[in-house]
Amino acid sequence: MVTSTVSPARQFFDKHLETISAGKIDEMVDRDYAEDAVLITFFNGFENTPAPITINGRENIKTFFHDYLKAIEYIDIKSLDFTEAEDAIFFQAKFNCKLGLVSVGDAWTMRNGQIVYHFGFWA
């Protein structure tokens, strides 16, 4: 019998996705992002904010994710590729949302179990 163990990084990712999908933005950001975190994203779903977008600090990241969730409404994952390295998490996914089928890719640099730098790509 083969048993697979889910790594701490994958557990972190799964909980992050579960929390954002449930609309619990403030909880997700407070738990998952360092106070001085930086999010750089190429999300292009905001009418008046062209990509790339750079957001600094937890409170601004919360505002971004509240607006992001309003724009996409839901996340229905169709495919996911995940990998990790020491102090980093990387993934690419395709998911359906209000904006249609989208492709995303993210790289998270971690410090003390929280995201310090979040780079997000959107197509």
C-alpha atoms as a PDB file:
ATOM      1  CA  MET A   1       0.000   0.000   0.000  1.00  0.00           C
ATOM      2  CA  VAL A   2       1.331   3.408  -0.997  1.00  0.00           C
ATOM      3  CA  THR A   3       0.487   6.335   1.187  1.00  0.00           C
ATOM      4  CA  SER A   4       1.135   9.855   0.051  1.00  0.00           C
ATOM      5  CA  THR A   5       1.874  12.632   2.425  1.00  0.00           C
ATOM      6  CA  VAL A   6       0.755  16.128   1.565  1.00  0.00           C
ATOM      7  CA  SER A   7       3.592  18.578   2.147  1.00  0.00           C
ATOM      8  CA  PRO A   8       3.172  21.561   4.461  1.00  0.00           C
ATOM      9  CA  ALA A   9       3.444  23.859   1.411  1.00  0.00           C
ATOM     10  CA  ARG A  10       0.611  22.041  -0.349  1.00  0.00           C
ATOM     11  CA  GLN A  11      -1.471  22.149   2.841  1.00  0.00           C
ATOM     12  CA  PHE A  12      -0.851  25.912   2.994  1.00  0.00           C
ATOM     13  CA  PHE A  13      -1.889  26.294  -0.659  1.00  0.00           C
ATOM     14  CA  ASP A  14      -5.042  24.175  -0.260  1.00  0.00           C
ATOM     15  CA  LYS A  15      -6.147  26.156   2.816  1.00  0.00           C
ATOM     16  CA  HIS A  16      -5.401  29.454   0.993  1.00  0.00           C
ATOM     17  CA  LEU A  17      -7.547  28.411  -1.968  1.00  0.00           C
ATOM     18  CA  GLU A  18     -10.325  27.083   0.266  1.00  0.00           C
ATOM     19  CA  THR A  19     -10.447  30.336   2.242  1.00  0.00           C
ATOM     20  CA  ILE A  20     -10.453  32.672  -0.773  1.00  0.00           C
ATOM     21  CA  SER A  21     -13.064  30.515  -2.519  1.00  0.00           C
ATOM     22  CA  ALA A  22     -15.273  30.857   0.567  1.00  0.00           C
ATOM     23  CA  GLY A  23     -14.952  34.642   0.332  1.00  0.00           C
ATOM     24  CA  LYS A  24     -13.065  34.883   3.624  1.00  0.00           C
ATOM     25  CA  ILE A  25     -10.604  37.452   2.287  1.00  0.00           C
ATOM     26  CA  ASP A  26      -9.602  39.159   5.545  1.00  0.00           C
ATOM     27  CA  GLU A  27      -9.018  35.818   7.275  1.00  0.00           C
ATOM     28  CA  MET A  28      -6.937  34.560   4.343  1.00  0.00           C
ATOM     29  CA  VAL A  29      -4.764  37.682   4.117  1.00  0.00           C
ATOM     30  CA  ASP A  30      -4.224  37.966   7.891  1.00  0.00           C
ATOM     31  CA  ARG A  31      -3.182  34.311   8.114  1.00  0.00           C
ATOM     32  CA  ASP A  32      -1.263  33.885   4.854  1.00  0.00           C
ATOM     33  CA  TYR A  33       0.478  37.217   4.139  1.00  0.00           C
ATOM     34  CA  ALA A  34       3.294  38.885   6.064  1.00  0.00           C
ATOM     35  CA  GLU A  35       2.480  42.391   7.295  1.00  0.00           C
ATOM     36  CA  ASP A  36       4.964  43.839   4.763  1.00  0.00           C
ATOM     37  CA  ALA A  37       3.959  41.552   1.874  1.00  0.00           C
ATOM     38  CA  VAL A  38       4.096  42.746  -1.728  1.00  0.00           C
ATOM     39  CA  LEU A  39       1.688  41.453  -4.385  1.00  0.00           C
ATOM     40  CA  ILE A  40       2.494  42.086  -8.043  1.00  0.00           C
ATOM     41  CA  THR A  41      -0.167  40.875 -10.464  1.00  0.00           C
ATOM     42  CA  PHE A  42      -0.971  41.002 -14.147  1.00  0.00           C
ATOM     43  CA  PHE A  43      -4.703  40.593 -13.435  1.00  0.00           C
ATOM     44  CA  ASN A  44      -6.547  42.576 -16.105  1.00  0.00           C
ATOM     45  CA  GLY A  45     -10.129  42.283 -14.915  1.00  0.00           C
ATOM     46  CA  PHE A  46     -10.439  45.763 -13.404  1.00  0.00           C
ATOM     47  CA  GLU A  47     -11.975  48.346 -15.695  1.00  0.00           C
ATOM     48  CA  ASN A  48      -9.958  51.322 -14.425  1.00  0.00           C
ATOM     49  CA  THR A  49      -6.751  49.680 -13.181  1.00  0.00           C
ATOM     50  CA  PRO A  50      -4.441  48.366 -15.895  1.00  0.00           C
ATOM     51  CA  ALA A  51      -1.945  45.577 -15.272  1.00  0.00           C
ATOM     52  CA  PRO A  52       0.606  45.185 -13.853  1.00  0.00           C
ATOM     53  CA  ILE A  53      -0.624  46.134 -10.397  1.00  0.00           C
ATOM     54  CA  THR A  54       1.671  46.394  -7.344  1.00  0.00           C
ATOM     55  CA  ILE A  55       0.098  46.248  -3.893  1.00  0.00           C
ATOM     56  CA  ASN A  56       2.020  46.768  -0.649  1.00  0.00           C
ATOM     57  CA  GLY A  57       0.955  45.646   2.825  1.00  0.00           C
ATOM     58  CA  ARG A  58      -1.819  43.493   4.227  1.00  0.00           C
ATOM     59  CA  GLU A  59      -4.573  46.124   4.274  1.00  0.00           C
ATOM     60  CA  ASN A  60      -4.045  47.000   0.599  1.00  0.00           C
ATOM     61  CA  ILE A  61      -3.842  43.307  -0.308  1.00  0.00           C
ATOM     62  CA  LYS A  62      -7.210  42.792   1.424  1.00  0.00           C
ATOM     63  CA  THR A  63      -8.728  45.596  -0.675  1.00  0.00           C
ATOM     64  CA  PHE A  64      -7.286  44.051  -3.843  1.00  0.00           C
ATOM     65  CA  PHE A  65      -8.692  40.588  -3.071  1.00  0.00           C
ATOM     66  CA  HIS A  66     -12.131  41.946  -2.162  1.00  0.00           C
ATOM     67  CA  ASP A  67     -12.210  43.725  -5.546  1.00  0.00           C
ATOM     68  CA  TYR A  68     -10.751  40.675  -7.310  1.00  0.00           C
ATOM     69  CA  LEU A  69     -13.434  38.376  -5.908  1.00  0.00           C
ATOM     70  CA  LYS A  70     -16.142  40.835  -6.959  1.00  0.00           C
ATOM     71  CA  ALA A  71     -14.696  40.818 -10.487  1.00  0.00           C
ATOM     72  CA  ILE A  72     -14.337  37.033 -10.866  1.00  0.00           C
ATOM     73  CA  GLU A  73     -17.216  35.980  -8.519  1.00  0.00           C
ATOM     74  CA  TYR A  74     -16.117  32.339  -8.202  1.00  0.00           C
ATOM     75  CA  ILE A  75     -13.251  29.915  -8.851  1.00  0.00           C
ATOM     76  CA  ASP A  76     -14.007  26.571 -10.525  1.00  0.00           C
ATOM     77  CA  ILE A  77     -10.602  24.908 -11.059  1.00  0.00           C
ATOM     78  CA  LYS A  78     -10.255  22.818 -14.204  1.00  0.00           C
ATOM     79  CA  SER A  79      -6.536  22.019 -13.986  1.00  0.00           C
ATOM     80  CA  LEU A  80      -3.756  22.661 -11.499  1.00  0.00           C
ATOM     81  CA  ASP A  81       0.002  22.148 -11.571  1.00  0.00           C
ATOM     82  CA  PHE A  82       1.770  22.680  -8.238  1.00  0.00           C
ATOM     83  CA  THR A  83       5.389  22.557  -7.158  1.00  0.00           C
ATOM     84  CA  GLU A  84       7.482  23.919  -4.369  1.00  0.00           C
ATOM     85  CA  ALA A  85      11.040  24.735  -3.413  1.00  0.00           C
ATOM     86  CA  GLU A  86      12.587  25.840  -0.175  1.00  0.00           C
ATOM     87  CA  ASP A  87      10.627  28.920   0.958  1.00  0.00           C
ATOM     88  CA  ALA A  88       8.625  29.135  -2.282  1.00  0.00           C
ATOM     89  CA  ILE A  89       5.390  27.868  -3.807  1.00  0.00           C
ATOM     90  CA  PHE A  90       4.629  27.844  -7.533  1.00  0.00           C
ATOM     91  CA  PHE A  91       1.478  26.901  -9.388  1.00  0.00           C
ATOM     92  CA  GLN A  92      -0.377  27.321 -12.614  1.00  0.00           C
ATOM     93  CA  ALA A  93      -4.065  26.697 -13.063  1.00  0.00           C
ATOM     94  CA  LYS A  94      -6.974  27.027 -15.420  1.00  0.00           C
ATOM     95  CA  PHE A  95     -10.296  27.912 -13.882  1.00  0.00           C
ATOM     96  CA  ASN A  96     -13.726  29.115 -14.835  1.00  0.00           C
ATOM     97  CA  CYS A  97     -15.012  32.320 -13.313  1.00  0.00           C
ATOM     98  CA  LYS A  98     -17.382  35.143 -14.245  1.00  0.00           C
ATOM     99  CA  LEU A  99     -14.757  36.340 -16.787  1.00  0.00           C
ATOM    100  CA  GLY A 100     -14.655  32.927 -18.538  1.00  0.00           C
ATOM    101  CA  LEU A 101     -11.929  30.295 -18.651  1.00  0.00           C
ATOM    102  CA  VAL A 102      -8.673  31.863 -17.471  1.00  0.00           C
ATOM    103  CA  SER A 103      -5.085  30.730 -17.051  1.00  0.00           C
ATOM    104  CA  VAL A 104      -3.097  31.884 -14.046  1.00  0.00           C
ATOM    105  CA  GLY A 105       0.350  31.291 -12.651  1.00  0.00           C
ATOM    106  CA  ASP A 106       1.684  32.366  -9.294  1.00  0.00           C
ATOM    107  CA  ALA A 107       4.987  32.356  -7.441  1.00  0.00           C
ATOM    108  CA  TRP A 108       4.994  32.932  -3.696  1.00  0.00           C
ATOM    109  CA  THR A 109       8.150  33.616  -1.732  1.00  0.00           C
ATOM    110  CA  MET A 110       7.642  32.580   1.881  1.00  0.00           C
ATOM    111  CA  ARG A 111       9.061  33.790   5.218  1.00  0.00           C
ATOM    112  CA  ASN A 112       8.081  32.253   8.560  1.00  0.00           C
ATOM    113  CA  GLY A 113       5.152  30.416   6.980  1.00  0.00           C
ATOM    114  CA  GLN A 114       3.660  33.488   5.275  1.00  0.00           C
ATOM    115  CA  ILE A 115       3.763  34.967   1.780  1.00  0.00           C
ATOM    116  CA  VAL A 116       6.253  37.839   1.488  1.00  0.00           C
ATOM    117  CA  TYR A 117       6.232  38.277  -2.304  1.00  0.00           C
ATOM    118  CA  HIS A 118       3.320  37.153  -4.459  1.00  0.00           C
ATOM    119  CA  PHE A 119       3.800  37.342  -8.225  1.00  0.00           C
ATOM    120  CA  GLY A 120       0.659  36.557 -10.200  1.00  0.00           C
ATOM    121  CA  PHE A 121       0.213  36.077 -13.938  1.00  0.00           C
ATOM    122  CA  TRP A 122      -3.151  36.135 -15.690  1.00  0.00           C
ATOM    123  CA  ALA A 123      -4.191  35.180 -19.230  1.00  0.00           C
END
